[in-house]
Amino acid sequence: MFYHMLMPRKQVLVQLDDELVERLDQLAASMEVSRSELLRRGALAVLEAARLDQAERALVAAYQRQPQDPVLVATARRLAAETVPDW
């Protein structure tokens, strides 16, 4: 993940309580990264989670607008059952 290395950085002031800073520092030390790197990764994880949530909501909305055809679902289940390899 080299996103932050290729883009110019902007310093942002974030207020955190002492306990949270201590916990972040412990985690950063265990991962052998700086606190800033840990927070960058956390911010990227939050953004990715939001993107995935938005995509999932869009998928659900699409199926609500046009539900799956029960015949196609039954056919897909039957085909999957017939083609699953024996483990």
Protein backbone atom coordinates (compact mmCIF):
# COMPACT_ATOMS: atom_id res chain seq x y z
CA MET A 1 0.00 0.00 0.00
CA PHE A 2 2.01 2.92 -1.30
CA TYR A 3 -0.83 5.43 -1.64
CA HIS A 4 0.53 7.80 0.99
CA MET A 5 4.05 7.62 -0.45
CA LEU A 6 2.94 8.83 -3.87
CA MET A 7 0.61 11.60 -2.77
CA PRO A 8 1.55 14.86 -1.03
CA ARG A 9 0.62 14.76 2.63
CA LYS A 10 -1.38 17.19 4.70
CA GLN A 11 -1.00 17.42 8.44
CA VAL A 12 -4.32 17.07 10.28
CA LEU A 13 -4.88 17.79 13.96
CA VAL A 14 -6.88 15.07 15.69
CA GLN A 15 -7.71 15.15 19.38
CA LEU A 16 -7.51 11.81 21.19
CA ASP A 17 -7.63 10.94 24.85
CA ASP A 18 -4.51 9.64 26.59
CA GLU A 19 -5.75 6.05 26.84
CA LEU A 20 -6.47 5.85 23.12
CA VAL A 21 -3.07 7.33 22.25
CA GLU A 22 -1.38 4.80 24.52
CA ARG A 23 -3.27 1.91 22.92
CA LEU A 24 -2.45 3.19 19.43
CA ASP A 25 1.22 3.55 20.35
CA GLN A 26 1.32 0.00 21.70
CA LEU A 27 -0.25 -1.36 18.53
CA ALA A 28 2.02 0.72 16.30
CA ALA A 29 5.07 -0.54 18.20
CA SER A 30 3.93 -4.16 17.88
CA MET A 31 3.44 -3.64 14.13
CA GLU A 32 6.73 -1.75 13.85
CA VAL A 33 5.12 1.30 12.24
CA SER A 34 4.75 4.90 13.34
CA ARG A 35 1.59 6.20 14.96
CA SER A 36 1.00 8.28 11.82
CA GLU A 37 1.28 5.22 9.58
CA LEU A 38 -1.10 3.30 11.82
CA LEU A 39 -3.65 6.12 11.66
CA ARG A 40 -3.25 6.40 7.86
CA ARG A 41 -3.96 2.69 7.56
CA GLY A 42 -6.94 3.05 9.86
CA ALA A 43 -8.33 5.93 7.81
CA LEU A 44 -7.94 3.91 4.60
CA ALA A 45 -9.66 0.93 6.26
CA VAL A 46 -12.61 3.12 7.29
CA LEU A 47 -12.91 4.52 3.76
CA GLU A 48 -12.76 1.02 2.23
CA ALA A 49 -15.39 -0.25 4.68
CA ALA A 50 -17.64 2.67 3.72
CA ARG A 51 -17.11 1.92 0.02
CA LEU A 52 -18.01 -1.74 0.51
CA ASP A 53 -21.06 -0.80 2.58
CA GLN A 54 -22.24 1.55 -0.17
CA ALA A 55 -21.75 -1.16 -2.81
CA GLU A 56 -23.67 -3.68 -0.72
CA ARG A 57 -26.53 -1.23 -0.20
CA ALA A 58 -26.65 -0.60 -3.95
CA LEU A 59 -26.79 -4.36 -4.61
CA VAL A 60 -29.62 -4.83 -2.10
CA ALA A 61 -31.52 -1.91 -3.65
CA ALA A 62 -31.10 -3.42 -7.12
CA TYR A 63 -32.53 -6.76 -5.97
CA GLN A 64 -35.40 -4.93 -4.27
CA ARG A 65 -36.19 -3.14 -7.53
CA GLN A 66 -35.96 -6.35 -9.55
CA PRO A 67 -35.98 -9.52 -7.43
CA GLN A 68 -34.32 -12.69 -8.63
CA ASP A 69 -36.41 -15.00 -10.77
CA PRO A 70 -37.20 -18.04 -8.58
CA VAL A 71 -36.82 -20.35 -11.59
CA LEU A 72 -33.28 -19.06 -12.23
CA VAL A 73 -32.39 -19.51 -8.55
CA ALA A 74 -33.70 -23.08 -8.53
CA THR A 75 -31.84 -23.86 -11.75
CA ALA A 76 -28.59 -22.42 -10.40
CA ARG A 77 -28.95 -24.45 -7.19
CA ARG A 78 -29.55 -27.64 -9.15
CA LEU A 79 -26.62 -26.97 -11.47
CA ALA A 80 -24.34 -26.20 -8.51
CA ALA A 81 -25.40 -29.40 -6.76
CA GLU A 82 -24.66 -31.42 -9.91
CA THR A 83 -21.25 -29.87 -10.56
CA VAL A 84 -19.80 -29.67 -7.05
CA PRO A 85 -16.72 -31.90 -6.88
CA ASP A 86 -16.66 -34.76 -4.40
CA TRP A 87 -14.27 -33.80 -1.63
